[in-house]
Structure formats: C-alpha cells, structure tokens
Amino acid sequence: AEPVRHNIAPGQQIVTLGPDGLGLMRWGIIP
C-alpha cells in the first residue's frame, strides 16, 4: 500500500530491505 512519497521525514515509517526481505521501519532509533 506504499504510495509515491516526496518528503519522507525522520519519525515516519520508511521502506527497508533486510535479510528477510522488504518491510517498513520507523526512521529513527529510540535509544
């Protein structure tokens, strides 16, 4: 369901590619 996105900001969900394939992660690690 991910659309074209022209302004992806920290704190938002972002498409990532990991060992298990494509998914969504929050941009920014809460330490």
ModelCIF file with pLDDT and N, C-alpha, C, O atoms, coordinates in Angstrom:
data_MODEL
#
_entry.id   MODEL 
#
_entity.id                         1 
_entity.type                       polymer 
_entity.pdbx_number_of_molecules   1 
#
_entity_poly.entity_id                      1 
_entity_poly.type                           'polypeptide(L)' 
_entity_poly.nstd_linkage                   no 
_entity_poly.nstd_monomer                   no 
_entity_poly.pdbx_seq_one_letter_code       AEPVRHNIAPGQQIVTLGPDGLGLMRWGIIP 
_entity_poly.pdbx_seq_one_letter_code_can   AEPVRHNIAPGQQIVTLGPDGLGLMRWGIIP 
_entity_poly.pdbx_strand_id                 A 
#
loop_
_entity_poly_seq.entity_id 
_entity_poly_seq.num 
_entity_poly_seq.mon_id 
_entity_poly_seq.hetero 
1 1  ALA n 
1 2  GLU n 
1 3  PRO n 
1 4  VAL n 
1 5  ARG n 
1 6  HIS n 
1 7  ASN n 
1 8  ILE n 
1 9  ALA n 
1 10 PRO n 
1 11 GLY n 
1 12 GLN n 
1 13 GLN n 
1 14 ILE n 
1 15 VAL n 
1 16 THR n 
1 17 LEU n 
1 18 GLY n 
1 19 PRO n 
1 20 ASP n 
1 21 GLY n 
1 22 LEU n 
1 23 GLY n 
1 24 LEU n 
1 25 MET n 
1 26 ARG n 
1 27 TRP n 
1 28 GLY n 
1 29 ILE n 
1 30 ILE n 
1 31 PRO n 
#
_struct_asym.id          A 
_struct_asym.entity_id   1 
#
loop_
_ma_qa_metric.id 
_ma_qa_metric.mode 
_ma_qa_metric.name 
_ma_qa_metric.software_group_id 
_ma_qa_metric.type 
1 global pLDDT . pLDDT 
2 local  pLDDT . pLDDT 
#
_ma_qa_metric_global.metric_id      1 
_ma_qa_metric_global.metric_value   94.39 
_ma_qa_metric_global.model_id       1 
_ma_qa_metric_global.ordinal_id     1 
#
loop_
_ma_qa_metric_local.label_asym_id 
_ma_qa_metric_local.label_comp_id 
_ma_qa_metric_local.label_seq_id 
_ma_qa_metric_local.metric_id 
_ma_qa_metric_local.metric_value 
_ma_qa_metric_local.model_id 
_ma_qa_metric_local.ordinal_id 
A ALA 1  2 97.00 1 1  
A GLU 2  2 97.00 1 2  
A PRO 3  2 97.00 1 3  
A VAL 4  2 96.00 1 4  
A ARG 5  2 96.00 1 5  
A HIS 6  2 93.00 1 6  
A ASN 7  2 93.00 1 7  
A ILE 8  2 96.00 1 8  
A ALA 9  2 95.00 1 9  
A PRO 10 2 94.00 1 10 
A GLY 11 2 93.00 1 11 
A GLN 12 2 95.00 1 12 
A GLN 13 2 96.00 1 13 
A ILE 14 2 97.00 1 14 
A VAL 15 2 98.00 1 15 
A THR 16 2 98.00 1 16 
A LEU 17 2 98.00 1 17 
A GLY 18 2 97.00 1 18 
A PRO 19 2 95.00 1 19 
A ASP 20 2 93.00 1 20 
A GLY 21 2 96.00 1 21 
A LEU 22 2 98.00 1 22 
A GLY 23 2 97.00 1 23 
A LEU 24 2 97.00 1 24 
A MET 25 2 97.00 1 25 
A ARG 26 2 95.00 1 26 
A TRP 27 2 97.00 1 27 
A GLY 28 2 93.00 1 28 
A ILE 29 2 89.00 1 29 
A ILE 30 2 80.00 1 30 
A PRO 31 2 73.00 1 31 
#
loop_
_atom_site.group_PDB 
_atom_site.id 
_atom_site.type_symbol 
_atom_site.label_atom_id 
_atom_site.label_alt_id 
_atom_site.label_comp_id 
_atom_site.label_asym_id 
_atom_site.label_entity_id 
_atom_site.label_seq_id 
_atom_site.pdbx_PDB_ins_code 
_atom_site.Cartn_x 
_atom_site.Cartn_y 
_atom_site.Cartn_z 
_atom_site.occupancy 
_atom_site.B_iso_or_equiv 
_atom_site.pdbx_formal_charge 
_atom_site.auth_seq_id 
_atom_site.auth_comp_id 
_atom_site.auth_asym_id 
_atom_site.auth_atom_id 
_atom_site.pdbx_PDB_model_num 
ATOM 1   N N  . ALA A 1 1  ? 0.809  -1.220  0.000  1.00 97.00 ? 1  ALA A N  1 
ATOM 2   C CA . ALA A 1 1  ? 0.000  0.000   0.000  1.00 97.00 ? 1  ALA A CA 1 
ATOM 3   C C  . ALA A 1 1  ? 0.841  1.267   0.000  1.00 97.00 ? 1  ALA A C  1 
ATOM 4   O O  . ALA A 1 1  ? 0.291  2.366   0.078  1.00 97.00 ? 1  ALA A O  1 
ATOM 5   N N  . GLU A 1 2  ? 2.165  1.139   -0.086 1.00 97.00 ? 2  GLU A N  1 
ATOM 6   C CA . GLU A 1 2  ? 3.024  2.316   -0.033 1.00 97.00 ? 2  GLU A CA 1 
ATOM 7   C C  . GLU A 1 2  ? 2.880  3.161   -1.296 1.00 97.00 ? 2  GLU A C  1 
ATOM 8   O O  . GLU A 1 2  ? 3.028  2.644   -2.403 1.00 97.00 ? 2  GLU A O  1 
ATOM 9   N N  . PRO A 1 3  ? 2.587  4.472   -1.140 1.00 97.00 ? 3  PRO A N  1 
ATOM 10  C CA . PRO A 1 3  ? 2.468  5.357   -2.304 1.00 97.00 ? 3  PRO A CA 1 
ATOM 11  C C  . PRO A 1 3  ? 3.826  5.964   -2.666 1.00 97.00 ? 3  PRO A C  1 
ATOM 12  O O  . PRO A 1 3  ? 4.819  5.755   -1.970 1.00 97.00 ? 3  PRO A O  1 
ATOM 13  N N  . VAL A 1 4  ? 3.848  6.711   -3.758 1.00 96.00 ? 4  VAL A N  1 
ATOM 14  C CA . VAL A 1 4  ? 4.997  7.572   -4.040 1.00 96.00 ? 4  VAL A CA 1 
ATOM 15  C C  . VAL A 1 4  ? 5.069  8.611   -2.929 1.00 96.00 ? 4  VAL A C  1 
ATOM 16  O O  . VAL A 1 4  ? 4.051  9.177   -2.532 1.00 96.00 ? 4  VAL A O  1 
ATOM 17  N N  . ARG A 1 5  ? 6.277  8.860   -2.428 1.00 96.00 ? 5  ARG A N  1 
ATOM 18  C CA . ARG A 1 5  ? 6.435  9.809   -1.312 1.00 96.00 ? 5  ARG A CA 1 
ATOM 19  C C  . ARG A 1 5  ? 7.555  10.800  -1.637 1.00 96.00 ? 5  ARG A C  1 
ATOM 20  O O  . ARG A 1 5  ? 8.690  10.412  -1.914 1.00 96.00 ? 5  ARG A O  1 
ATOM 21  N N  . HIS A 1 6  ? 7.205  12.087  -1.596 1.00 93.00 ? 6  HIS A N  1 
ATOM 22  C CA . HIS A 1 6  ? 8.158  13.129  -1.974 1.00 93.00 ? 6  HIS A CA 1 
ATOM 23  C C  . HIS A 1 6  ? 8.857  13.769  -0.781 1.00 93.00 ? 6  HIS A C  1 
ATOM 24  O O  . HIS A 1 6  ? 9.771  14.573  -0.962 1.00 93.00 ? 6  HIS A O  1 
ATOM 25  N N  . ASN A 1 7  ? 8.447  13.431  0.416  1.00 93.00 ? 7  ASN A N  1 
ATOM 26  C CA . ASN A 1 7  ? 9.010  14.097  1.599  1.00 93.00 ? 7  ASN A CA 1 
ATOM 27  C C  . ASN A 1 7  ? 8.926  13.150  2.790  1.00 93.00 ? 7  ASN A C  1 
ATOM 28  O O  . ASN A 1 7  ? 7.992  13.227  3.588  1.00 93.00 ? 7  ASN A O  1 
ATOM 29  N N  . ILE A 1 8  ? 9.900  12.261  2.906  1.00 96.00 ? 8  ILE A N  1 
ATOM 30  C CA . ILE A 1 8  ? 9.933  11.280  3.990  1.00 96.00 ? 8  ILE A CA 1 
ATOM 31  C C  . ILE A 1 8  ? 10.791 11.838  5.110  1.00 96.00 ? 8  ILE A C  1 
ATOM 32  O O  . ILE A 1 8  ? 11.979 12.098  4.917  1.00 96.00 ? 8  ILE A O  1 
ATOM 33  N N  . ALA A 1 9  ? 10.195 12.022  6.280  1.00 95.00 ? 9  ALA A N  1 
ATOM 34  C CA . ALA A 1 9  ? 10.873 12.683  7.392  1.00 95.00 ? 9  ALA A CA 1 
ATOM 35  C C  . ALA A 1 9  ? 11.218 11.689  8.499  1.00 95.00 ? 9  ALA A C  1 
ATOM 36  O O  . ALA A 1 9  ? 10.578 10.643  8.611  1.00 95.00 ? 9  ALA A O  1 
ATOM 37  N N  . PRO A 1 10 ? 12.225 12.006  9.320  1.00 94.00 ? 10 PRO A N  1 
ATOM 38  C CA . PRO A 1 10 ? 12.510 11.181  10.494 1.00 94.00 ? 10 PRO A CA 1 
ATOM 39  C C  . PRO A 1 10 ? 11.269 11.039  11.372 1.00 94.00 ? 10 PRO A C  1 
ATOM 40  O O  . PRO A 1 10 ? 10.480 11.973  11.516 1.00 94.00 ? 10 PRO A O  1 
ATOM 41  N N  . GLY A 1 11 ? 11.118 9.862   11.947 1.00 93.00 ? 11 GLY A N  1 
ATOM 42  C CA . GLY A 1 11 ? 9.946  9.574   12.771 1.00 93.00 ? 11 GLY A CA 1 
ATOM 43  C C  . GLY A 1 11 ? 8.843  8.873   12.007 1.00 93.00 ? 11 GLY A C  1 
ATOM 44  O O  . GLY A 1 11 ? 7.919  8.331   12.613 1.00 93.00 ? 11 GLY A O  1 
ATOM 45  N N  . GLN A 1 12 ? 8.926  8.875   10.668 1.00 95.00 ? 12 GLN A N  1 
ATOM 46  C CA . GLN A 1 12 ? 7.918  8.215   9.854  1.00 95.00 ? 12 GLN A CA 1 
ATOM 47  C C  . GLN A 1 12 ? 8.346  6.797   9.495  1.00 95.00 ? 12 GLN A C  1 
ATOM 48  O O  . GLN A 1 12 ? 9.512  6.431   9.641  1.00 95.00 ? 12 GLN A O  1 
ATOM 49  N N  . GLN A 1 13 ? 7.393  6.014   9.028  1.00 96.00 ? 13 GLN A N  1 
ATOM 50  C CA . GLN A 1 13 ? 7.673  4.677   8.530  1.00 96.00 ? 13 GLN A CA 1 
ATOM 51  C C  . GLN A 1 13 ? 8.380  4.789   7.176  1.00 96.00 ? 13 GLN A C  1 
ATOM 52  O O  . GLN A 1 13 ? 8.016  5.628   6.352  1.00 96.00 ? 13 GLN A O  1 
ATOM 53  N N  . ILE A 1 14 ? 9.373  3.957   6.952  1.00 97.00 ? 14 ILE A N  1 
ATOM 54  C CA . ILE A 1 14 ? 10.143 4.007   5.725  1.00 97.00 ? 14 ILE A CA 1 
ATOM 55  C C  . ILE A 1 14 ? 10.377 2.585   5.223  1.00 97.00 ? 14 ILE A C  1 
ATOM 56  O O  . ILE A 1 14 ? 10.548 1.660   6.017  1.00 97.00 ? 14 ILE A O  1 
ATOM 57  N N  . VAL A 1 15 ? 10.385 2.417   3.909  1.00 98.00 ? 15 VAL A N  1 
ATOM 58  C CA . VAL A 1 15 ? 10.626 1.096   3.330  1.00 98.00 ? 15 VAL A CA 1 
ATOM 59  C C  . VAL A 1 15 ? 12.084 0.708   3.545  1.00 98.00 ? 15 VAL A C  1 
ATOM 60  O O  . VAL A 1 15 ? 12.993 1.504   3.307  1.00 98.00 ? 15 VAL A O  1 
ATOM 61  N N  . THR A 1 16 ? 12.293 -0.512  3.992  1.00 98.00 ? 16 THR A N  1 
ATOM 62  C CA . THR A 1 16 ? 13.643 -1.016  4.203  1.00 98.00 ? 16 THR A CA 1 
ATOM 63  C C  . THR A 1 16 ? 13.773 -2.413  3.607  1.00 98.00 ? 16 THR A C  1 
ATOM 64  O O  . THR A 1 16 ? 12.786 -3.125  3.426  1.00 98.00 ? 16 THR A O  1 
ATOM 65  N N  . LEU A 1 17 ? 14.999 -2.780  3.312  1.00 98.00 ? 17 LEU A N  1 
ATOM 66  C CA . LEU A 1 17 ? 15.318 -4.118  2.838  1.00 98.00 ? 17 LEU A CA 1 
ATOM 67  C C  . LEU A 1 17 ? 16.253 -4.762  3.840  1.00 98.00 ? 17 LEU A C  1 
ATOM 68  O O  . LEU A 1 17 ? 17.355 -4.268  4.077  1.00 98.00 ? 17 LEU A O  1 
ATOM 69  N N  . GLY A 1 18 ? 15.817 -5.867  4.429  1.00 97.00 ? 18 GLY A N  1 
ATOM 70  C CA . GLY A 1 18 ? 16.629 -6.586  5.394  1.00 97.00 ? 18 GLY A CA 1 
ATOM 71  C C  . GLY A 1 18 ? 16.857 -8.015  4.975  1.00 97.00 ? 18 GLY A C  1 
ATOM 72  O O  . GLY A 1 18 ? 16.459 -8.403  3.877  1.00 97.00 ? 18 GLY A O  1 
ATOM 73  N N  . PRO A 1 19 ? 17.484 -8.805  5.814  1.00 95.00 ? 19 PRO A N  1 
ATOM 74  C CA . PRO A 1 19 ? 17.728 -10.212 5.484  1.00 95.00 ? 19 PRO A CA 1 
ATOM 75  C C  . PRO A 1 19 ? 16.463 -10.988 5.159  1.00 95.00 ? 19 PRO A C  1 
ATOM 76  O O  . PRO A 1 19 ? 16.509 -11.974 4.423  1.00 95.00 ? 19 PRO A O  1 
ATOM 77  N N  . ASP A 1 20 ? 15.307 -10.541 5.714  1.00 93.00 ? 20 ASP A N  1 
ATOM 78  C CA . ASP A 1 20 ? 14.038 -11.231 5.473  1.00 93.00 ? 20 ASP A CA 1 
ATOM 79  C C  . ASP A 1 20 ? 13.213 -10.596 4.361  1.00 93.00 ? 20 ASP A C  1 
ATOM 80  O O  . ASP A 1 20 ? 12.066 -10.988 4.146  1.00 93.00 ? 20 ASP A O  1 
ATOM 81  N N  . GLY A 1 21 ? 13.780 -9.620  3.649  1.00 96.00 ? 21 GLY A N  1 
ATOM 82  C CA . GLY A 1 21 ? 13.063 -9.005  2.546  1.00 96.00 ? 21 GLY A CA 1 
ATOM 83  C C  . GLY A 1 21 ? 12.638 -7.572  2.838  1.00 96.00 ? 21 GLY A C  1 
ATOM 84  O O  . GLY A 1 21 ? 13.175 -6.926  3.738  1.00 96.00 ? 21 GLY A O  1 
ATOM 85  N N  . LEU A 1 22 ? 11.663 -7.079  2.063  1.00 98.00 ? 22 LEU A N  1 
ATOM 86  C CA . LEU A 1 22 ? 11.190 -5.704  2.174  1.00 98.00 ? 22 LEU A CA 1 
ATOM 87  C C  . LEU A 1 22 ? 10.169 -5.570  3.299  1.00 98.00 ? 22 LEU A C  1 
ATOM 88  O O  . LEU A 1 22 ? 9.349  -6.461  3.519  1.00 98.00 ? 22 LEU A O  1 
ATOM 89  N N  . GLY A 1 23 ? 10.232 -4.447  4.005  1.00 97.00 ? 23 GLY A N  1 
ATOM 90  C CA . GLY A 1 23 ? 9.295  -4.184  5.085  1.00 97.00 ? 23 GLY A CA 1 
ATOM 91  C C  . GLY A 1 23 ? 9.297  -2.714  5.424  1.00 97.00 ? 23 GLY A C  1 
ATOM 92  O O  . GLY A 1 23 ? 9.874  -1.907  4.695  1.00 97.00 ? 23 GLY A O  1 
ATOM 93  N N  . LEU A 1 24 ? 8.654  -2.354  6.525  1.00 97.00 ? 24 LEU A N  1 
ATOM 94  C CA . LEU A 1 24 ? 8.574  -0.978  6.987  1.00 97.00 ? 24 LEU A CA 1 
ATOM 95  C C  . LEU A 1 24 ? 9.206  -0.859  8.359  1.00 97.00 ? 24 LEU A C  1 
ATOM 96  O O  . LEU A 1 24 ? 9.007  -1.715  9.220  1.00 97.00 ? 24 LEU A O  1 
ATOM 97  N N  . MET A 1 25 ? 9.969  0.205   8.562  1.00 97.00 ? 25 MET A N  1 
ATOM 98  C CA . MET A 1 25 ? 10.560 0.501   9.865  1.00 97.00 ? 25 MET A CA 1 
ATOM 99  C C  . MET A 1 25 ? 10.430 1.991   10.157 1.00 97.00 ? 25 MET A C  1 
ATOM 100 O O  . MET A 1 25 ? 10.340 2.810   9.243  1.00 97.00 ? 25 MET A O  1 
ATOM 101 N N  . ARG A 1 26 ? 10.420 2.324   11.427 1.00 95.00 ? 26 ARG A N  1 
ATOM 102 C CA . ARG A 1 26 ? 10.413 3.730   11.830 1.00 95.00 ? 26 ARG A CA 1 
ATOM 103 C C  . ARG A 1 26 ? 11.808 4.300   11.611 1.00 95.00 ? 26 ARG A C  1 
ATOM 104 O O  . ARG A 1 26 ? 12.800 3.704   12.029 1.00 95.00 ? 26 ARG A O  1 
ATOM 105 N N  . TRP A 1 27 ? 11.881 5.459   10.952 1.00 97.00 ? 27 TRP A N  1 
ATOM 106 C CA . TRP A 1 27 ? 13.178 6.107   10.739 1.00 97.00 ? 27 TRP A CA 1 
ATOM 107 C C  . TRP A 1 27 ? 13.569 6.870   12.004 1.00 97.00 ? 27 TRP A C  1 
ATOM 108 O O  . TRP A 1 27 ? 13.019 7.931   12.299 1.00 97.00 ? 27 TRP A O  1 
ATOM 109 N N  . GLY A 1 28 ? 14.517 6.320   12.737 1.00 93.00 ? 28 GLY A N  1 
ATOM 110 C CA . GLY A 1 28 ? 14.974 6.896   13.990 1.00 93.00 ? 28 GLY A CA 1 
ATOM 111 C C  . GLY A 1 28 ? 14.958 5.835   15.080 1.00 93.00 ? 28 GLY A C  1 
ATOM 112 O O  . GLY A 1 28 ? 13.909 5.268   15.385 1.00 93.00 ? 28 GLY A O  1 
ATOM 113 N N  . ILE A 1 29 ? 16.107 5.569   15.661 1.00 89.00 ? 29 ILE A N  1 
ATOM 114 C CA . ILE A 1 29 ? 16.214 4.568   16.723 1.00 89.00 ? 29 ILE A CA 1 
ATOM 115 C C  . ILE A 1 29 ? 16.064 5.250   18.072 1.00 89.00 ? 29 ILE A C  1 
ATOM 116 O O  . ILE A 1 29 ? 16.868 6.108   18.439 1.00 89.00 ? 29 ILE A O  1 
ATOM 117 N N  . ILE A 1 30 ? 15.024 4.861   18.809 1.00 80.00 ? 30 ILE A N  1 
ATOM 118 C CA . ILE A 1 30 ? 14.830 5.369   20.174 1.00 80.00 ? 30 ILE A CA 1 
ATOM 119 C C  . ILE A 1 30 ? 15.790 4.596   21.075 1.00 80.00 ? 30 ILE A C  1 
ATOM 120 O O  . ILE A 1 30 ? 15.620 3.389   21.245 1.00 80.00 ? 30 ILE A O  1 
ATOM 121 N N  . PRO A 1 31 ? 16.780 5.245   21.650 1.00 73.00 ? 31 PRO A N  1 
ATOM 122 C CA . PRO A 1 31 ? 17.864 4.525   22.325 1.00 73.00 ? 31 PRO A CA 1 
ATOM 123 C C  . PRO A 1 31 ? 17.553 4.119   23.761 1.00 73.00 ? 31 PRO A C  1 
ATOM 124 O O  . PRO A 1 31 ? 18.392 3.509   24.425 1.00 73.00 ? 31 PRO A O  1 
#
